Amino acid sequence: MIRGGRFYLVLSAQRRKGYLEVWSHRTNQTDLLKKHFNPKLSPIVQRCKFYSCERTDGQSVASYVAELRKLSEYCEFGENLQDMLRERLVVGINNENIQKRLLSVEYSKITFNKALEIATLLEQANTSAKVLQQNSVETASDVNRVET
């Protein structure tokens, strides 16, 4: 919370710059201070972060999508948000099998939600297959074990 002298200095600077026309209304003063101390993020910089985001090893699809959604918050994609999320999911998934499957769907038929569903199902299938393979290796080693 800004108090006393600092508050006055910020408002005075804003008034001198011509940003402050009326400063008798408390809400207006609060908004001006918020704008001063929390400037608007550049959509260009935020889009750069969004476009460079890739899924890391061990990161779940759900976690990756949550990260993409958070990064897209200040990108100002507007009506194109779902398309941008879909394309970033396909390009940044960092798993060749999932990526091939997503690319095999006709472009006009793959929405973001459809891409997310496919990626999540394939991730679950891969996880289940690994568990089954581990269980079959453990079972096979138990069968061939000779006790002395």
C-alpha atoms as a PDB file:
ATOM      1  CA  MET A   1       0.000   0.000   0.000  1.00  0.00           C
ATOM      2  CA  ILE A   2       1.338   3.385  -0.969  1.00  0.00           C
ATOM      3  CA  ARG A   3       1.082   6.035   1.705  1.00  0.00           C
ATOM      4  CA  GLY A   4       1.798   9.688   2.171  1.00  0.00           C
ATOM      5  CA  GLY A   5       4.628  11.250   0.220  1.00  0.00           C
ATOM      6  CA  ARG A   6       5.046   8.489  -2.339  1.00  0.00           C
ATOM      7  CA  PHE A   7       1.331   8.576  -3.166  1.00  0.00           C
ATOM      8  CA  TYR A   8       1.509  12.328  -3.660  1.00  0.00           C
ATOM      9  CA  LEU A   9       4.636  12.082  -5.847  1.00  0.00           C
ATOM     10  CA  VAL A  10       3.060   9.490  -8.152  1.00  0.00           C
ATOM     11  CA  LEU A  11      -0.169  11.445  -8.550  1.00  0.00           C
ATOM     12  CA  SER A  12       1.716  14.710  -9.069  1.00  0.00           C
ATOM     13  CA  ALA A  13       3.869  13.114 -11.762  1.00  0.00           C
ATOM     14  CA  GLN A  14       0.770  11.743 -13.448  1.00  0.00           C
ATOM     15  CA  ARG A  15      -0.878  15.166 -13.356  1.00  0.00           C
ATOM     16  CA  ARG A  16       2.198  16.881 -14.832  1.00  0.00           C
ATOM     17  CA  LYS A  17       2.294  14.349 -17.660  1.00  0.00           C
ATOM     18  CA  GLY A  18      -1.317  15.176 -18.459  1.00  0.00           C
ATOM     19  CA  TYR A  19      -2.614  11.760 -17.430  1.00  0.00           C
ATOM     20  CA  LEU A  20      -4.603  13.166 -14.587  1.00  0.00           C
ATOM     21  CA  GLU A  21      -7.561  15.370 -15.325  1.00  0.00           C
ATOM     22  CA  VAL A  22      -9.701  14.723 -12.296  1.00  0.00           C
ATOM     23  CA  TRP A  23      -8.178  13.417  -9.156  1.00  0.00           C
ATOM     24  CA  SER A  24     -10.779  14.085  -6.590  1.00  0.00           C
ATOM     25  CA  HIS A  25     -12.454  10.700  -7.118  1.00  0.00           C
ATOM     26  CA  ARG A  26     -10.757   7.924  -5.138  1.00  0.00           C
ATOM     27  CA  THR A  27     -11.524   5.174  -7.670  1.00  0.00           C
ATOM     28  CA  ASN A  28      -9.836   7.186 -10.407  1.00  0.00           C
ATOM     29  CA  GLN A  29      -6.755   7.613  -8.239  1.00  0.00           C
ATOM     30  CA  THR A  30      -6.657   3.898  -7.484  1.00  0.00           C
ATOM     31  CA  ASP A  31      -6.955   3.009 -11.183  1.00  0.00           C
ATOM     32  CA  LEU A  32      -4.166   5.440 -12.059  1.00  0.00           C
ATOM     33  CA  LEU A  33      -1.880   3.941  -9.452  1.00  0.00           C
ATOM     34  CA  LYS A  34      -2.638   0.408 -10.641  1.00  0.00           C
ATOM     35  CA  LYS A  35      -1.807   1.406 -14.224  1.00  0.00           C
ATOM     36  CA  HIS A  36       1.405   3.073 -13.065  1.00  0.00           C
ATOM     37  CA  PHE A  37       2.676   0.170 -10.962  1.00  0.00           C
ATOM     38  CA  ASN A  38       1.229  -2.660 -13.100  1.00  0.00           C
ATOM     39  CA  PRO A  39       1.763  -1.597 -16.697  1.00  0.00           C
ATOM     40  CA  LYS A  40      -0.008  -3.474 -19.466  1.00  0.00           C
ATOM     41  CA  LEU A  41       2.035  -6.363 -20.827  1.00  0.00           C
ATOM     42  CA  SER A  42       3.099  -6.194 -24.452  1.00  0.00           C
ATOM     43  CA  PRO A  43       1.082  -8.637 -26.598  1.00  0.00           C
ATOM     44  CA  ILE A  44       4.121  -9.061 -28.863  1.00  0.00           C
ATOM     45  CA  VAL A  45       6.308 -10.260 -26.000  1.00  0.00           C
ATOM     46  CA  GLN A  46       3.520 -12.468 -24.633  1.00  0.00           C
ATOM     47  CA  ARG A  47       2.958 -14.028 -28.069  1.00  0.00           C
ATOM     48  CA  CYS A  48       6.671 -14.734 -28.384  1.00  0.00           C
ATOM     49  CA  LYS A  49       6.531 -16.615 -25.069  1.00  0.00           C
ATOM     50  CA  PHE A  50       3.407 -18.457 -26.239  1.00  0.00           C
ATOM     51  CA  TYR A  51       4.914 -19.478 -29.595  1.00  0.00           C
ATOM     52  CA  SER A  52       8.117 -20.736 -27.995  1.00  0.00           C
ATOM     53  CA  CYS A  53       6.369 -22.865 -25.351  1.00  0.00           C
ATOM     54  CA  GLU A  54       6.999 -26.593 -25.799  1.00  0.00           C
ATOM     55  CA  ARG A  55       6.012 -29.534 -23.665  1.00  0.00           C
ATOM     56  CA  THR A  56       8.890 -30.711 -21.489  1.00  0.00           C
ATOM     57  CA  ASP A  57       9.818 -34.329 -20.814  1.00  0.00           C
ATOM     58  CA  GLY A  58       7.572 -35.731 -18.119  1.00  0.00           C
ATOM     59  CA  GLN A  59       5.035 -32.911 -18.411  1.00  0.00           C
ATOM     60  CA  SER A  60       1.457 -34.106 -18.829  1.00  0.00           C
ATOM     61  CA  VAL A  61      -0.697 -32.929 -21.708  1.00  0.00           C
ATOM     62  CA  ALA A  62      -3.097 -31.315 -19.217  1.00  0.00           C
ATOM     63  CA  SER A  63      -0.249 -29.406 -17.571  1.00  0.00           C
ATOM     64  CA  TYR A  64       1.083 -28.278 -20.953  1.00  0.00           C
ATOM     65  CA  VAL A  65      -2.348 -27.044 -22.036  1.00  0.00           C
ATOM     66  CA  ALA A  66      -2.764 -25.194 -18.725  1.00  0.00           C
ATOM     67  CA  GLU A  67       0.581 -23.500 -19.342  1.00  0.00           C
ATOM     68  CA  LEU A  68      -0.497 -22.553 -22.888  1.00  0.00           C
ATOM     69  CA  ARG A  69      -3.767 -21.106 -21.599  1.00  0.00           C
ATOM     70  CA  LYS A  70      -1.923 -19.050 -19.002  1.00  0.00           C
ATOM     71  CA  LEU A  71       0.561 -17.759 -21.585  1.00  0.00           C
ATOM     72  CA  SER A  72      -2.249 -16.857 -23.998  1.00  0.00           C
ATOM     73  CA  GLU A  73      -3.980 -14.652 -21.434  1.00  0.00           C
ATOM     74  CA  TYR A  74      -2.292 -11.408 -22.570  1.00  0.00           C
ATOM     75  CA  CYS A  75      -1.688 -12.338 -26.236  1.00  0.00           C
ATOM     76  CA  GLU A  76      -4.920 -10.694 -27.417  1.00  0.00           C
ATOM     77  CA  PHE A  77      -5.754 -13.517 -29.829  1.00  0.00           C
ATOM     78  CA  GLY A  78      -9.471 -12.708 -29.617  1.00  0.00           C
ATOM     79  CA  GLU A  79     -11.574 -15.019 -31.774  1.00  0.00           C
ATOM     80  CA  ASN A  80      -8.449 -16.896 -32.920  1.00  0.00           C
ATOM     81  CA  LEU A  81      -7.597 -18.183 -29.435  1.00  0.00           C
ATOM     82  CA  GLN A  82      -8.895 -21.734 -30.006  1.00  0.00           C
ATOM     83  CA  ASP A  83      -7.008 -22.012 -33.320  1.00  0.00           C
ATOM     84  CA  MET A  84      -3.797 -20.740 -31.744  1.00  0.00           C
ATOM     85  CA  LEU A  85      -4.093 -23.177 -28.823  1.00  0.00           C
ATOM     86  CA  ARG A  86      -4.731 -26.053 -31.243  1.00  0.00           C
ATOM     87  CA  GLU A  87      -1.730 -25.210 -33.399  1.00  0.00           C
ATOM     88  CA  ARG A  88       0.594 -24.716 -30.439  1.00  0.00           C
ATOM     89  CA  LEU A  89      -0.584 -28.033 -28.972  1.00  0.00           C
ATOM     90  CA  VAL A  90       0.158 -29.864 -32.235  1.00  0.00           C
ATOM     91  CA  VAL A  91       3.529 -28.203 -32.813  1.00  0.00           C
ATOM     92  CA  GLY A  92       4.779 -28.149 -29.216  1.00  0.00           C
ATOM     93  CA  ILE A  93       3.542 -31.536 -27.964  1.00  0.00           C
ATOM     94  CA  ASN A  94       7.105 -32.924 -28.097  1.00  0.00           C
ATOM     95  CA  ASN A  95       5.959 -36.524 -28.707  1.00  0.00           C
ATOM     96  CA  GLU A  96       6.308 -37.922 -32.210  1.00  0.00           C
ATOM     97  CA  ASN A  97       3.474 -40.476 -31.921  1.00  0.00           C
ATOM     98  CA  ILE A  98       0.952 -37.963 -30.598  1.00  0.00           C
ATOM     99  CA  GLN A  99       2.063 -35.380 -33.130  1.00  0.00           C
ATOM    100  CA  LYS A 100       1.687 -37.825 -36.045  1.00  0.00           C
ATOM    101  CA  ARG A 101      -1.804 -38.741 -34.890  1.00  0.00           C
ATOM    102  CA  LEU A 102      -2.844 -35.103 -34.561  1.00  0.00           C
ATOM    103  CA  LEU A 103      -1.447 -34.303 -38.004  1.00  0.00           C
ATOM    104  CA  SER A 104      -3.301 -37.250 -39.538  1.00  0.00           C
ATOM    105  CA  VAL A 105      -6.700 -35.704 -38.745  1.00  0.00           C
ATOM    106  CA  GLU A 106      -8.139 -33.559 -41.536  1.00  0.00           C
ATOM    107  CA  TYR A 107      -7.384 -29.906 -40.787  1.00  0.00           C
ATOM    108  CA  SER A 108     -10.973 -28.720 -41.120  1.00  0.00           C
ATOM    109  CA  LYS A 109     -12.139 -31.353 -38.607  1.00  0.00           C
ATOM    110  CA  ILE A 110      -9.615 -30.904 -35.828  1.00  0.00           C
ATOM    111  CA  THR A 111     -10.634 -28.356 -33.243  1.00  0.00           C
ATOM    112  CA  PHE A 112      -8.634 -27.511 -30.145  1.00  0.00           C
ATOM    113  CA  ASN A 113     -10.931 -29.659 -27.993  1.00  0.00           C
ATOM    114  CA  LYS A 114     -10.586 -32.591 -30.403  1.00  0.00           C
ATOM    115  CA  ALA A 115      -6.788 -32.237 -30.457  1.00  0.00           C
ATOM    116  CA  LEU A 116      -6.722 -32.096 -26.655  1.00  0.00           C
ATOM    117  CA  GLU A 117      -8.927 -35.193 -26.425  1.00  0.00           C
ATOM    118  CA  ILE A 118      -6.715 -37.152 -28.842  1.00  0.00           C
ATOM    119  CA  ALA A 119      -3.487 -36.084 -27.129  1.00  0.00           C
ATOM    120  CA  THR A 120      -4.845 -36.944 -23.681  1.00  0.00           C
ATOM    121  CA  LEU A 121      -6.099 -40.363 -24.804  1.00  0.00           C
ATOM    122  CA  LEU A 122      -2.779 -41.205 -26.451  1.00  0.00           C
ATOM    123  CA  GLU A 123      -0.885 -40.073 -23.366  1.00  0.00           C
ATOM    124  CA  GLN A 124      -3.058 -42.325 -21.192  1.00  0.00           C
ATOM    125  CA  ALA A 125      -2.609 -45.217 -23.638  1.00  0.00           C
ATOM    126  CA  ASN A 126       1.190 -44.783 -23.572  1.00  0.00           C
ATOM    127  CA  THR A 127       1.194 -44.736 -19.772  1.00  0.00           C
ATOM    128  CA  SER A 128      -1.002 -47.847 -19.590  1.00  0.00           C
ATOM    129  CA  ALA A 129       1.166 -49.685 -22.141  1.00  0.00           C
ATOM    130  CA  LYS A 130       4.299 -48.945 -20.090  1.00  0.00           C
ATOM    131  CA  VAL A 131       2.625 -50.333 -16.965  1.00  0.00           C
ATOM    132  CA  LEU A 132       1.568 -53.479 -18.828  1.00  0.00           C
ATOM    133  CA  GLN A 133       5.059 -53.954 -20.242  1.00  0.00           C
ATOM    134  CA  GLN A 134       6.627 -53.586 -16.797  1.00  0.00           C
ATOM    135  CA  ASN A 135       4.179 -56.115 -15.360  1.00  0.00           C
ATOM    136  CA  SER A 136       4.849 -58.617 -18.144  1.00  0.00           C
ATOM    137  CA  VAL A 137       8.647 -58.281 -17.678  1.00  0.00           C
ATOM    138  CA  GLU A 138       8.284 -58.839 -13.926  1.00  0.00           C
ATOM    139  CA  THR A 139       6.015 -61.859 -14.516  1.00  0.00           C
ATOM    140  CA  ALA A 140       8.392 -63.338 -17.086  1.00  0.00           C
ATOM    141  CA  SER A 141      11.362 -62.978 -14.741  1.00  0.00           C
ATOM    142  CA  ASP A 142       9.380 -64.691 -11.967  1.00  0.00           C
ATOM    143  CA  VAL A 143       8.513 -67.615 -14.247  1.00  0.00           C
ATOM    144  CA  ASN A 144      12.116 -68.204 -15.294  1.00  0.00           C
ATOM    145  CA  ARG A 145      13.570 -67.822 -11.797  1.00  0.00           C
ATOM    146  CA  VAL A 146      15.094 -70.969 -10.331  1.00  0.00           C
ATOM    147  CA  GLU A 147      15.013 -71.182  -6.580  1.00  0.00           C
ATOM    148  CA  THR A 148      17.817 -72.998  -4.841  1.00  0.00           C
END
